[in-house]
Amino acid sequence: MQIKRTEFLRFFKFAFFSASAGLIELGSFSLLHELAGFPYWPCYLLALVLSIVWNFTLNRRFTFHSAANIPLAMLKVAGYYAVFTPLSTLLGNYLVETIGWNAYLTTGLNMLLNFSTEFLFQRFLVFRKSLDSAKKQGKPTRLR
């Protein structure tokens, strides 16, 4: 029962931090799209990068409590985004610029896809072996 509770709390924290990263992504996307008038793909790409940095930093420390080698973990996440980013950018640009989909709907769908696949990737591949290692080493995980 404790494992189910722990994993539920872990998913809840990931969802909370991802929602904050989503606000950063939507805010920066909106500023670039509406105020600067950039085409879809640079708006999406820059907004995605900002949310990745925010999300990785918070989730490594507070959701997965990992004391693992940070550069190695970042490299693994970069591998995920080396696949996800071009696919979602090209598909999103095609849907918005060619087919005429709403840019915000397209970005929202990309965000949902990113949320679900990134949780699984980070939980079971990036932090699998170092899960809760910061707690075991007695390192603080509270916000200061």
C-alpha atoms as a PDB file:
ATOM      1  CA  MET A   1       0.000   0.000   0.000  1.00  0.00           C
ATOM      2  CA  GLN A   2       2.904   2.359   0.788  1.00  0.00           C
ATOM      3  CA  ILE A   3       4.334   1.892  -2.743  1.00  0.00           C
ATOM      4  CA  LYS A   4       1.022   2.836  -4.354  1.00  0.00           C
ATOM      5  CA  ARG A   5       0.775   5.938  -2.174  1.00  0.00           C
ATOM      6  CA  THR A   6       4.371   6.925  -2.926  1.00  0.00           C
ATOM      7  CA  GLU A   7       3.892   6.503  -6.665  1.00  0.00           C
ATOM      8  CA  PHE A   8       0.618   8.419  -6.589  1.00  0.00           C
ATOM      9  CA  LEU A   9       2.314  11.297  -4.775  1.00  0.00           C
ATOM     10  CA  ARG A  10       5.196  11.139  -7.235  1.00  0.00           C
ATOM     11  CA  PHE A  11       2.797  11.387 -10.185  1.00  0.00           C
ATOM     12  CA  PHE A  12       0.894  14.222  -8.484  1.00  0.00           C
ATOM     13  CA  LYS A  13       4.122  16.184  -7.944  1.00  0.00           C
ATOM     14  CA  PHE A  14       5.163  15.569 -11.538  1.00  0.00           C
ATOM     15  CA  ALA A  15       1.771  16.791 -12.739  1.00  0.00           C
ATOM     16  CA  PHE A  16       1.998  19.897 -10.538  1.00  0.00           C
ATOM     17  CA  PHE A  17       5.481  20.841 -11.751  1.00  0.00           C
ATOM     18  CA  SER A  18       4.522  20.030 -15.323  1.00  0.00           C
ATOM     19  CA  ALA A  19       1.541  22.350 -15.011  1.00  0.00           C
ATOM     20  CA  SER A  20       3.867  25.133 -13.879  1.00  0.00           C
ATOM     21  CA  ALA A  21       6.149  24.356 -16.820  1.00  0.00           C
ATOM     22  CA  GLY A  22       3.054  24.417 -19.023  1.00  0.00           C
ATOM     23  CA  LEU A  23       2.277  27.932 -17.820  1.00  0.00           C
ATOM     24  CA  ILE A  24       5.800  28.983 -18.707  1.00  0.00           C
ATOM     25  CA  GLU A  25       5.461  27.327 -22.105  1.00  0.00           C
ATOM     26  CA  LEU A  26       2.075  28.861 -22.884  1.00  0.00           C
ATOM     27  CA  GLY A  27       3.124  32.281 -21.606  1.00  0.00           C
ATOM     28  CA  SER A  28       6.319  32.431 -23.625  1.00  0.00           C
ATOM     29  CA  PHE A  29       4.556  30.936 -26.668  1.00  0.00           C
ATOM     30  CA  SER A  30       1.834  33.573 -26.431  1.00  0.00           C
ATOM     31  CA  LEU A  31       4.312  36.436 -26.074  1.00  0.00           C
ATOM     32  CA  LEU A  32       6.282  35.319 -29.098  1.00  0.00           C
ATOM     33  CA  HIS A  33       3.230  34.437 -31.182  1.00  0.00           C
ATOM     34  CA  GLU A  34       0.950  37.354 -30.363  1.00  0.00           C
ATOM     35  CA  LEU A  35       3.314  40.209 -29.558  1.00  0.00           C
ATOM     36  CA  ALA A  36       6.331  39.388 -31.715  1.00  0.00           C
ATOM     37  CA  GLY A  37       4.313  37.812 -34.533  1.00  0.00           C
ATOM     38  CA  PHE A  38       6.732  34.934 -35.054  1.00  0.00           C
ATOM     39  CA  PRO A  39       5.626  31.860 -37.051  1.00  0.00           C
ATOM     40  CA  TYR A  40       4.530  28.785 -35.114  1.00  0.00           C
ATOM     41  CA  TRP A  41       7.745  26.767 -35.022  1.00  0.00           C
ATOM     42  CA  PRO A  42      10.143  29.275 -33.378  1.00  0.00           C
ATOM     43  CA  CYS A  43       7.491  30.188 -30.802  1.00  0.00           C
ATOM     44  CA  TYR A  44       6.890  26.549 -29.946  1.00  0.00           C
ATOM     45  CA  LEU A  45      10.567  25.619 -29.935  1.00  0.00           C
ATOM     46  CA  LEU A  46      11.707  28.395 -27.610  1.00  0.00           C
ATOM     47  CA  ALA A  47       8.733  27.906 -25.284  1.00  0.00           C
ATOM     48  CA  LEU A  48       9.430  24.163 -25.147  1.00  0.00           C
ATOM     49  CA  VAL A  49      13.094  24.691 -24.238  1.00  0.00           C
ATOM     50  CA  LEU A  50      12.169  27.054 -21.396  1.00  0.00           C
ATOM     51  CA  SER A  51       9.654  24.579 -19.990  1.00  0.00           C
ATOM     52  CA  ILE A  52      12.119  21.672 -20.287  1.00  0.00           C
ATOM     53  CA  VAL A  53      14.743  23.394 -18.155  1.00  0.00           C
ATOM     54  CA  TRP A  54      12.180  24.366 -15.510  1.00  0.00           C
ATOM     55  CA  ASN A  55      10.500  20.955 -15.437  1.00  0.00           C
ATOM     56  CA  PHE A  56      13.712  18.910 -15.325  1.00  0.00           C
ATOM     57  CA  THR A  57      15.200  20.963 -12.518  1.00  0.00           C
ATOM     58  CA  LEU A  58      12.150  20.757 -10.259  1.00  0.00           C
ATOM     59  CA  ASN A  59      11.237  17.140 -10.981  1.00  0.00           C
ATOM     60  CA  ARG A  60      14.764  15.789 -10.495  1.00  0.00           C
ATOM     61  CA  ARG A  61      14.945  17.286  -7.051  1.00  0.00           C
ATOM     62  CA  PHE A  62      11.392  17.242  -5.682  1.00  0.00           C
ATOM     63  CA  THR A  63       9.561  14.473  -7.554  1.00  0.00           C
ATOM     64  CA  PHE A  64      12.174  11.801  -8.168  1.00  0.00           C
ATOM     65  CA  HIS A  65      14.515  12.897  -5.319  1.00  0.00           C
ATOM     66  CA  SER A  66      17.507  11.897  -7.404  1.00  0.00           C
ATOM     67  CA  ALA A  67      21.087  12.411  -6.309  1.00  0.00           C
ATOM     68  CA  ALA A  68      22.316  10.841  -9.534  1.00  0.00           C
ATOM     69  CA  ASN A  69      24.881  12.307 -11.868  1.00  0.00           C
ATOM     70  CA  ILE A  70      23.049  15.419 -13.105  1.00  0.00           C
ATOM     71  CA  PRO A  71      24.896  15.754 -16.435  1.00  0.00           C
ATOM     72  CA  LEU A  72      24.139  12.110 -17.241  1.00  0.00           C
ATOM     73  CA  ALA A  73      20.469  12.548 -16.348  1.00  0.00           C
ATOM     74  CA  MET A  74      20.333  15.701 -18.469  1.00  0.00           C
ATOM     75  CA  LEU A  75      21.941  13.818 -21.356  1.00  0.00           C
ATOM     76  CA  LYS A  76      19.251  11.127 -21.123  1.00  0.00           C
ATOM     77  CA  VAL A  77      16.516  13.774 -21.122  1.00  0.00           C
ATOM     78  CA  ALA A  78      18.242  15.471 -24.060  1.00  0.00           C
ATOM     79  CA  GLY A  79      18.019  12.130 -25.881  1.00  0.00           C
ATOM     80  CA  TYR A  80      14.268  12.034 -25.296  1.00  0.00           C
ATOM     81  CA  TYR A  81      13.918  15.581 -26.581  1.00  0.00           C
ATOM     82  CA  ALA A  82      16.187  14.859 -29.555  1.00  0.00           C
ATOM     83  CA  VAL A  83      13.329  12.662 -30.764  1.00  0.00           C
ATOM     84  CA  PHE A  84      10.292  14.468 -29.336  1.00  0.00           C
ATOM     85  CA  THR A  85      11.232  18.038 -30.288  1.00  0.00           C
ATOM     86  CA  PRO A  86      11.732  17.661 -34.042  1.00  0.00           C
ATOM     87  CA  LEU A  87       8.683  15.434 -34.386  1.00  0.00           C
ATOM     88  CA  SER A  88       6.386  17.699 -32.384  1.00  0.00           C
ATOM     89  CA  THR A  89       7.785  20.871 -33.979  1.00  0.00           C
ATOM     90  CA  LEU A  90       7.415  19.605 -37.538  1.00  0.00           C
ATOM     91  CA  LEU A  91       3.989  18.081 -36.915  1.00  0.00           C
ATOM     92  CA  GLY A  92       2.780  21.160 -35.059  1.00  0.00           C
ATOM     93  CA  ASN A  93       4.050  23.478 -37.774  1.00  0.00           C
ATOM     94  CA  TYR A  94       2.361  21.343 -40.428  1.00  0.00           C
ATOM     95  CA  LEU A  95      -0.945  21.312 -38.550  1.00  0.00           C
ATOM     96  CA  VAL A  96      -0.927  25.088 -37.970  1.00  0.00           C
ATOM     97  CA  GLU A  97       0.692  26.471 -41.116  1.00  0.00           C
ATOM     98  CA  THR A  98      -0.536  23.961 -43.724  1.00  0.00           C
ATOM     99  CA  ILE A  99      -3.821  22.559 -42.461  1.00  0.00           C
ATOM    100  CA  GLY A 100      -4.879  25.642 -40.521  1.00  0.00           C
ATOM    101  CA  TRP A 101      -5.332  24.215 -37.035  1.00  0.00           C
ATOM    102  CA  ASN A 102      -5.461  26.616 -34.130  1.00  0.00           C
ATOM    103  CA  ALA A 103      -1.928  27.249 -32.802  1.00  0.00           C
ATOM    104  CA  TYR A 104      -3.023  27.005 -29.158  1.00  0.00           C
ATOM    105  CA  LEU A 105      -4.919  23.750 -29.696  1.00  0.00           C
ATOM    106  CA  THR A 106      -1.892  22.273 -31.427  1.00  0.00           C
ATOM    107  CA  THR A 107       0.445  23.431 -28.665  1.00  0.00           C
ATOM    108  CA  GLY A 108      -1.911  22.045 -26.014  1.00  0.00           C
ATOM    109  CA  LEU A 109      -2.013  18.640 -27.715  1.00  0.00           C
ATOM    110  CA  ASN A 110       1.780  18.623 -27.933  1.00  0.00           C
ATOM    111  CA  MET A 111       1.951  19.502 -24.240  1.00  0.00           C
ATOM    112  CA  LEU A 112      -0.348  16.609 -23.280  1.00  0.00           C
ATOM    113  CA  LEU A 113       1.680  14.171 -25.361  1.00  0.00           C
ATOM    114  CA  ASN A 114       4.883  15.511 -23.836  1.00  0.00           C
ATOM    115  CA  PHE A 115       3.493  15.273 -20.293  1.00  0.00           C
ATOM    116  CA  SER A 116       2.496  11.625 -20.564  1.00  0.00           C
ATOM    117  CA  THR A 117       5.566  10.351 -22.402  1.00  0.00           C
ATOM    118  CA  GLU A 118       8.058  12.404 -20.376  1.00  0.00           C
ATOM    119  CA  PHE A 119       6.753  11.101 -17.040  1.00  0.00           C
ATOM    120  CA  LEU A 120       7.175   7.511 -18.192  1.00  0.00           C
ATOM    121  CA  PHE A 121      10.594   8.228 -19.680  1.00  0.00           C
ATOM    122  CA  GLN A 122      11.928   9.993 -16.595  1.00  0.00           C
ATOM    123  CA  ARG A 123      10.390   7.589 -14.077  1.00  0.00           C
ATOM    124  CA  PHE A 124      11.421   4.339 -15.763  1.00  0.00           C
ATOM    125  CA  LEU A 125      14.558   5.273 -17.700  1.00  0.00           C
ATOM    126  CA  VAL A 126      16.254   8.416 -16.420  1.00  0.00           C
ATOM    127  CA  PHE A 127      15.718   8.103 -12.650  1.00  0.00           C
ATOM    128  CA  ARG A 128      14.915   4.384 -12.346  1.00  0.00           C
ATOM    129  CA  LYS A 129      18.131   3.464 -10.545  1.00  0.00           C
ATOM    130  CA  SER A 130      18.489   6.697  -8.570  1.00  0.00           C
ATOM    131  CA  LEU A 131      14.875   7.072  -7.454  1.00  0.00           C
ATOM    132  CA  ASP A 132      14.719   8.585  -3.959  1.00  0.00           C
ATOM    133  CA  SER A 133      18.522   8.436  -3.636  1.00  0.00           C
ATOM    134  CA  ALA A 134      18.664  11.990  -2.274  1.00  0.00           C
ATOM    135  CA  LYS A 135      16.287  10.986   0.520  1.00  0.00           C
ATOM    136  CA  LYS A 136      18.428   7.961   1.346  1.00  0.00           C
ATOM    137  CA  GLN A 137      21.520  10.169   1.553  1.00  0.00           C
ATOM    138  CA  GLY A 138      19.705  12.592   3.821  1.00  0.00           C
ATOM    139  CA  LYS A 139      19.863  15.493   1.364  1.00  0.00           C
ATOM    140  CA  PRO A 140      17.137  18.120   1.873  1.00  0.00           C
ATOM    141  CA  THR A 141      14.458  18.337  -0.793  1.00  0.00           C
ATOM    142  CA  ARG A 142      12.513  21.307   0.490  1.00  0.00           C
ATOM    143  CA  LEU A 143      12.349  24.633  -1.312  1.00  0.00           C
ATOM    144  CA  ARG A 144      14.607  27.179   0.346  1.00  0.00           C
END
